[in-house]
Amino acid sequence: NRQNIVRACVSRHAASAFFALLKVARRADAA
């Protein structure tokens, strides 16, 4: 039931975009 939304998200972005957002997530976690 989550595959369509995950597929859409993966198709919208390159892997590098997710890794960049993970860097922001690291900052957000520290905050």
All heavy atoms as atom14 arrays in JSON, in Angstrom:
{
  "sequence": "NRQNIVRACVSRHAASAFFALLKVARRADAA",
  "atom14_mask": [
    [1, 1, 1, 1, 1, 1, 1, 1, 0, 0, 0, 0, 0, 0],
    [1, 1, 1, 1, 1, 1, 1, 1, 1, 1, 1, 0, 0, 0],
    [1, 1, 1, 1, 1, 1, 1, 1, 1, 0, 0, 0, 0, 0],
    [1, 1, 1, 1, 1, 1, 1, 1, 0, 0, 0, 0, 0, 0],
    [1, 1, 1, 1, 1, 1, 1, 1, 0, 0, 0, 0, 0, 0],
    [1, 1, 1, 1, 1, 1, 1, 0, 0, 0, 0, 0, 0, 0],
    [1, 1, 1, 1, 1, 1, 1, 1, 1, 1, 1, 0, 0, 0],
    [1, 1, 1, 1, 1, 0, 0, 0, 0, 0, 0, 0, 0, 0],
    [1, 1, 1, 1, 1, 1, 0, 0, 0, 0, 0, 0, 0, 0],
    [1, 1, 1, 1, 1, 1, 1, 0, 0, 0, 0, 0, 0, 0],
    [1, 1, 1, 1, 1, 1, 0, 0, 0, 0, 0, 0, 0, 0],
    [1, 1, 1, 1, 1, 1, 1, 1, 1, 1, 1, 0, 0, 0],
    [1, 1, 1, 1, 1, 1, 1, 1, 1, 1, 0, 0, 0, 0],
    [1, 1, 1, 1, 1, 0, 0, 0, 0, 0, 0, 0, 0, 0],
    [1, 1, 1, 1, 1, 0, 0, 0, 0, 0, 0, 0, 0, 0],
    [1, 1, 1, 1, 1, 1, 0, 0, 0, 0, 0, 0, 0, 0],
    [1, 1, 1, 1, 1, 0, 0, 0, 0, 0, 0, 0, 0, 0],
    [1, 1, 1, 1, 1, 1, 1, 1, 1, 1, 1, 0, 0, 0],
    [1, 1, 1, 1, 1, 1, 1, 1, 1, 1, 1, 0, 0, 0],
    [1, 1, 1, 1, 1, 0, 0, 0, 0, 0, 0, 0, 0, 0],
    [1, 1, 1, 1, 1, 1, 1, 1, 0, 0, 0, 0, 0, 0],
    [1, 1, 1, 1, 1, 1, 1, 1, 0, 0, 0, 0, 0, 0],
    [1, 1, 1, 1, 1, 1, 1, 1, 1, 0, 0, 0, 0, 0],
    [1, 1, 1, 1, 1, 1, 1, 0, 0, 0, 0, 0, 0, 0],
    [1, 1, 1, 1, 1, 0, 0, 0, 0, 0, 0, 0, 0, 0],
    [1, 1, 1, 1, 1, 1, 1, 1, 1, 1, 1, 0, 0, 0],
    [1, 1, 1, 1, 1, 1, 1, 1, 1, 1, 1, 0, 0, 0],
    [1, 1, 1, 1, 1, 0, 0, 0, 0, 0, 0, 0, 0, 0],
    [1, 1, 1, 1, 1, 1, 1, 1, 0, 0, 0, 0, 0, 0],
    [1, 1, 1, 1, 1, 0, 0, 0, 0, 0, 0, 0, 0, 0],
    [1, 1, 1, 1, 1, 0, 0, 0, 0, 0, 0, 0, 0, 0]
  ],
  "atom14_positions": [
    [[0.82, -1.22, 0.0], [0.0, 0.0, 0.0], [0.85, 1.27, 0.0], [0.31, 2.36, -0.2], [-0.98, 0.01, 1.17], [-0.3, 0.01, 2.52], [0.87, -0.3, 2.65], [-1.06, 0.35, 3.55], [0.0, 0.0, 0.0], [0.0, 0.0, 0.0], [0.0, 0.0, 0.0], [0.0, 0.0, 0.0], [0.0, 0.0, 0.0], [0.0, 0.0, 0.0]],
    [[2.15, 1.17, 0.19], [3.04, 2.33, 0.17], [3.88, 2.39, -1.11], [4.56, 3.38, -1.36], [3.99, 2.29, 1.37], [3.28, 2.46, 2.7], [4.25, 2.67, 3.84], [5.01, 3.89, 3.62], [6.34, 3.97, 3.7], [7.06, 2.94, 4.0], [6.95, 5.12, 3.47], [0.0, 0.0, 0.0], [0.0, 0.0, 0.0], [0.0, 0.0, 0.0]],
    [[3.84, 1.34, -1.9], [4.75, 1.26, -3.05], [4.54, 2.37, -4.07], [5.5, 2.9, -4.61], [4.67, -0.12, -3.7], [5.37, -1.17, -2.87], [5.53, -2.49, -3.57], [5.3, -2.61, -4.77], [5.94, -3.5, -2.81], [0.0, 0.0, 0.0], [0.0, 0.0, 0.0], [0.0, 0.0, 0.0], [0.0, 0.0, 0.0], [0.0, 0.0, 0.0]],
    [[3.3, 2.75, -4.34], [3.07, 3.8, -5.34], [3.67, 5.13, -4.93], [4.31, 5.82, -5.74], [1.58, 3.95, -5.64], [1.05, 2.82, -6.48], [1.81, 2.12, -7.15], [-0.26, 2.63, -6.45], [0.0, 0.0, 0.0], [0.0, 0.0, 0.0], [0.0, 0.0, 0.0], [0.0, 0.0, 0.0], [0.0, 0.0, 0.0], [0.0, 0.0, 0.0]],
    [[3.49, 5.5, -3.67], [4.03, 6.79, -3.2], [5.56, 6.75, -3.16], [6.23, 7.73, -3.49], [3.41, 7.2, -1.84], [3.69, 8.67, -1.57], [3.9, 6.34, -0.71], [2.85, 9.25, -0.46], [0.0, 0.0, 0.0], [0.0, 0.0, 0.0], [0.0, 0.0, 0.0], [0.0, 0.0, 0.0], [0.0, 0.0, 0.0], [0.0, 0.0, 0.0]],
    [[6.11, 5.6, -2.79], [7.57, 5.46, -2.76], [8.13, 5.48, -4.18], [9.12, 6.16, -4.46], [7.99, 4.18, -1.99], [9.48, 3.92, -2.13], [7.61, 4.3, -0.52], [0.0, 0.0, 0.0], [0.0, 0.0, 0.0], [0.0, 0.0, 0.0], [0.0, 0.0, 0.0], [0.0, 0.0, 0.0], [0.0, 0.0, 0.0], [0.0, 0.0, 0.0]],
    [[7.47, 4.78, -5.09], [7.89, 4.79, -6.5], [7.91, 6.22, -7.05], [8.84, 6.63, -7.72], [6.93, 3.97, -7.36], [7.15, 2.5, -7.35], [6.1, 1.81, -8.25], [6.22, 0.38, -8.15], [7.07, -0.34, -8.85], [7.89, 0.24, -9.7], [7.13, -1.65, -8.7], [0.0, 0.0, 0.0], [0.0, 0.0, 0.0], [0.0, 0.0, 0.0]],
    [[6.83, 6.97, -6.76], [6.73, 8.33, -7.26], [7.87, 9.2, -6.72], [8.47, 9.98, -7.46], [5.38, 8.92, -6.89], [0.0, 0.0, 0.0], [0.0, 0.0, 0.0], [0.0, 0.0, 0.0], [0.0, 0.0, 0.0], [0.0, 0.0, 0.0], [0.0, 0.0, 0.0], [0.0, 0.0, 0.0], [0.0, 0.0, 0.0], [0.0, 0.0, 0.0]],
    [[8.17, 9.04, -5.45], [9.23, 9.85, -4.83], [10.59, 9.49, -5.41], [11.39, 10.37, -5.75], [9.21, 9.65, -3.32], [10.26, 10.82, -2.44], [0.0, 0.0, 0.0], [0.0, 0.0, 0.0], [0.0, 0.0, 0.0], [0.0, 0.0, 0.0], [0.0, 0.0, 0.0], [0.0, 0.0, 0.0], [0.0, 0.0, 0.0], [0.0, 0.0, 0.0]],
    [[10.86, 8.2, -5.56], [12.14, 7.77, -6.12], [12.28, 8.24, -7.56], [13.37, 8.64, -7.99], [12.31, 6.24, -6.01], [13.51, 5.74, -6.79], [12.43, 5.82, -4.54], [0.0, 0.0, 0.0], [0.0, 0.0, 0.0], [0.0, 0.0, 0.0], [0.0, 0.0, 0.0], [0.0, 0.0, 0.0], [0.0, 0.0, 0.0], [0.0, 0.0, 0.0]],
    [[11.18, 8.25, -8.3], [11.26, 8.68, -9.7], [11.43, 10.2, -9.83], [11.91, 10.68, -10.85], [10.03, 8.22, -10.48], [8.89, 8.91, -10.06], [0.0, 0.0, 0.0], [0.0, 0.0, 0.0], [0.0, 0.0, 0.0], [0.0, 0.0, 0.0], [0.0, 0.0, 0.0], [0.0, 0.0, 0.0], [0.0, 0.0, 0.0], [0.0, 0.0, 0.0]],
    [[11.06, 10.95, -8.79], [11.19, 12.42, -8.82], [12.61, 12.9, -8.54], [12.95, 14.03, -8.87], [10.28, 13.05, -7.75], [8.91, 13.39, -8.2], [8.21, 14.33, -7.23], [8.27, 13.96, -5.83], [7.42, 13.14, -5.22], [6.45, 12.57, -5.9], [7.53, 12.88, -3.94], [0.0, 0.0, 0.0], [0.0, 0.0, 0.0], [0.0, 0.0, 0.0]],
    [[13.41, 12.07, -7.89], [14.71, 12.54, -7.4], [15.85, 11.59, -7.75], [15.66, 10.38, -7.81], [14.68, 12.67, -5.88], [13.61, 13.56, -5.36], [13.68, 14.93, -5.44], [12.43, 13.29, -4.75], [12.6, 15.46, -4.89], [11.82, 14.48, -4.48], [0.0, 0.0, 0.0], [0.0, 0.0, 0.0], [0.0, 0.0, 0.0], [0.0, 0.0, 0.0]],
    [[17.01, 12.18, -7.91], [18.23, 11.38, -8.05], [18.66, 10.92, -6.65], [18.29, 11.54, -5.65], [19.33, 12.23, -8.68], [0.0, 0.0, 0.0], [0.0, 0.0, 0.0], [0.0, 0.0, 0.0], [0.0, 0.0, 0.0], [0.0, 0.0, 0.0], [0.0, 0.0, 0.0], [0.0, 0.0, 0.0], [0.0, 0.0, 0.0], [0.0, 0.0, 0.0]],
    [[19.45, 9.88, -6.59], [19.94, 9.39, -5.31], [20.67, 10.49, -4.55], [20.54, 10.61, -3.32], [20.87, 8.18, -5.52], [0.0, 0.0, 0.0], [0.0, 0.0, 0.0], [0.0, 0.0, 0.0], [0.0, 0.0, 0.0], [0.0, 0.0, 0.0], [0.0, 0.0, 0.0], [0.0, 0.0, 0.0], [0.0, 0.0, 0.0], [0.0, 0.0, 0.0]],
    [[21.39, 11.35, -5.26], [22.14, 12.42, -4.61], [21.23, 13.38, -3.84], [21.62, 13.93, -2.8], [22.96, 13.2, -5.64], [22.11, 13.76, -6.62], [0.0, 0.0, 0.0], [0.0, 0.0, 0.0], [0.0, 0.0, 0.0], [0.0, 0.0, 0.0], [0.0, 0.0, 0.0], [0.0, 0.0, 0.0], [0.0, 0.0, 0.0], [0.0, 0.0, 0.0]],
    [[20.0, 13.56, -4.3], [19.05, 14.44, -3.61], [18.7, 13.86, -2.24], [18.6, 14.59, -1.25], [17.8, 14.63, -4.44], [0.0, 0.0, 0.0], [0.0, 0.0, 0.0], [0.0, 0.0, 0.0], [0.0, 0.0, 0.0], [0.0, 0.0, 0.0], [0.0, 0.0, 0.0], [0.0, 0.0, 0.0], [0.0, 0.0, 0.0], [0.0, 0.0, 0.0]],
    [[18.51, 12.54, -2.18], [18.19, 11.91, -0.9], [19.37, 12.01, 0.06], [19.19, 12.24, 1.26], [17.77, 10.45, -1.09], [16.5, 10.3, -1.88], [16.49, 9.64, -3.1], [15.29, 10.83, -1.42], [15.33, 9.5, -3.84], [14.12, 10.71, -2.15], [14.14, 10.04, -3.36], [0.0, 0.0, 0.0], [0.0, 0.0, 0.0], [0.0, 0.0, 0.0]],
    [[20.57, 11.84, -0.46], [21.76, 11.95, 0.4], [21.93, 13.38, 0.9], [22.31, 13.61, 2.06], [23.0, 11.44, -0.32], [22.99, 9.95, -0.51], [22.83, 9.39, -1.77], [23.09, 9.09, 0.57], [22.79, 8.02, -1.95], [23.05, 7.71, 0.41], [22.9, 7.17, -0.86], [0.0, 0.0, 0.0], [0.0, 0.0, 0.0], [0.0, 0.0, 0.0]],
    [[21.61, 14.37, 0.07], [21.66, 15.77, 0.5], [20.62, 16.03, 1.6], [20.91, 16.73, 2.58], [21.43, 16.7, -0.69], [0.0, 0.0, 0.0], [0.0, 0.0, 0.0], [0.0, 0.0, 0.0], [0.0, 0.0, 0.0], [0.0, 0.0, 0.0], [0.0, 0.0, 0.0], [0.0, 0.0, 0.0], [0.0, 0.0, 0.0], [0.0, 0.0, 0.0]],
    [[19.44, 15.46, 1.44], [18.4, 15.63, 2.46], [18.77, 14.9, 3.76], [18.41, 15.36, 4.85], [17.05, 15.14, 1.94], [16.42, 16.02, 0.87], [15.19, 15.35, 0.26], [16.07, 17.4, 1.41], [0.0, 0.0, 0.0], [0.0, 0.0, 0.0], [0.0, 0.0, 0.0], [0.0, 0.0, 0.0], [0.0, 0.0, 0.0], [0.0, 0.0, 0.0]],
    [[19.52, 13.81, 3.66], [20.0, 13.13, 4.86], [20.96, 14.02, 5.65], [20.97, 13.99, 6.88], [20.68, 11.8, 4.51], [19.74, 10.62, 4.33], [20.46, 9.45, 3.67], [19.15, 10.2, 5.67], [0.0, 0.0, 0.0], [0.0, 0.0, 0.0], [0.0, 0.0, 0.0], [0.0, 0.0, 0.0], [0.0, 0.0, 0.0], [0.0, 0.0, 0.0]],
    [[21.73, 14.84, 4.96], [22.62, 15.79, 5.65], [21.8, 16.82, 6.42], [22.13, 17.19, 7.55], [23.56, 16.47, 4.66], [24.62, 15.55, 4.11], [25.52, 16.29, 3.14], [26.56, 15.33, 2.56], [27.45, 16.01, 1.61], [0.0, 0.0, 0.0], [0.0, 0.0, 0.0], [0.0, 0.0, 0.0], [0.0, 0.0, 0.0], [0.0, 0.0, 0.0]],
    [[20.71, 17.28, 5.81], [19.82, 18.22, 6.5], [19.18, 17.51, 7.7], [19.04, 18.1, 8.78], [18.74, 18.78, 5.54], [17.79, 19.72, 6.28], [19.38, 19.48, 4.35], [0.0, 0.0, 0.0], [0.0, 0.0, 0.0], [0.0, 0.0, 0.0], [0.0, 0.0, 0.0], [0.0, 0.0, 0.0], [0.0, 0.0, 0.0], [0.0, 0.0, 0.0]],
    [[18.81, 16.25, 7.53], [18.2, 15.48, 8.61], [19.17, 15.33, 9.79], [18.74, 15.38, 10.95], [17.77, 14.11, 8.11], [0.0, 0.0, 0.0], [0.0, 0.0, 0.0], [0.0, 0.0, 0.0], [0.0, 0.0, 0.0], [0.0, 0.0, 0.0], [0.0, 0.0, 0.0], [0.0, 0.0, 0.0], [0.0, 0.0, 0.0], [0.0, 0.0, 0.0]],
    [[20.44, 15.18, 9.49], [21.44, 15.08, 10.57], [21.45, 16.38, 11.38], [21.49, 16.36, 12.61], [22.83, 14.79, 9.99], [23.87, 14.59, 11.05], [25.23, 14.17, 10.53], [25.23, 13.72, 9.15], [26.08, 14.16, 8.22], [27.0, 15.04, 8.5], [26.03, 13.71, 6.99], [0.0, 0.0, 0.0], [0.0, 0.0, 0.0], [0.0, 0.0, 0.0]],
    [[21.4, 17.52, 10.67], [21.36, 18.82, 11.35], [20.07, 18.97, 12.16], [20.08, 19.48, 13.28], [21.47, 19.96, 10.33], [22.82, 20.06, 9.68], [22.93, 21.12, 8.59], [22.07, 22.27, 8.74], [21.41, 22.84, 7.72], [21.51, 22.38, 6.48], [20.65, 23.9, 7.92], [0.0, 0.0, 0.0], [0.0, 0.0, 0.0], [0.0, 0.0, 0.0]],
    [[18.96, 18.52, 11.57], [17.66, 18.63, 12.25], [17.63, 17.76, 13.5], [17.08, 18.16, 14.54], [16.53, 18.23, 11.3], [0.0, 0.0, 0.0], [0.0, 0.0, 0.0], [0.0, 0.0, 0.0], [0.0, 0.0, 0.0], [0.0, 0.0, 0.0], [0.0, 0.0, 0.0], [0.0, 0.0, 0.0], [0.0, 0.0, 0.0], [0.0, 0.0, 0.0]],
    [[18.23, 16.59, 13.42], [18.28, 15.7, 14.59], [19.09, 16.35, 15.71], [18.67, 16.33, 16.87], [18.89, 14.35, 14.19], [18.88, 13.37, 15.34], [17.77, 13.02, 15.8], [19.98, 12.95, 15.78], [0.0, 0.0, 0.0], [0.0, 0.0, 0.0], [0.0, 0.0, 0.0], [0.0, 0.0, 0.0], [0.0, 0.0, 0.0], [0.0, 0.0, 0.0]],
    [[20.22, 16.94, 15.35], [21.04, 17.63, 16.36], [20.25, 18.79, 16.96], [20.28, 19.01, 18.18], [22.34, 18.12, 15.73], [0.0, 0.0, 0.0], [0.0, 0.0, 0.0], [0.0, 0.0, 0.0], [0.0, 0.0, 0.0], [0.0, 0.0, 0.0], [0.0, 0.0, 0.0], [0.0, 0.0, 0.0], [0.0, 0.0, 0.0], [0.0, 0.0, 0.0]],
    [[19.53, 19.52, 16.13], [18.72, 20.65, 16.62], [17.62, 20.16, 17.56], [17.37, 20.76, 18.6], [18.13, 21.42, 15.44], [0.0, 0.0, 0.0], [0.0, 0.0, 0.0], [0.0, 0.0, 0.0], [0.0, 0.0, 0.0], [0.0, 0.0, 0.0], [0.0, 0.0, 0.0], [0.0, 0.0, 0.0], [0.0, 0.0, 0.0], [0.0, 0.0, 0.0]]
  ]
}
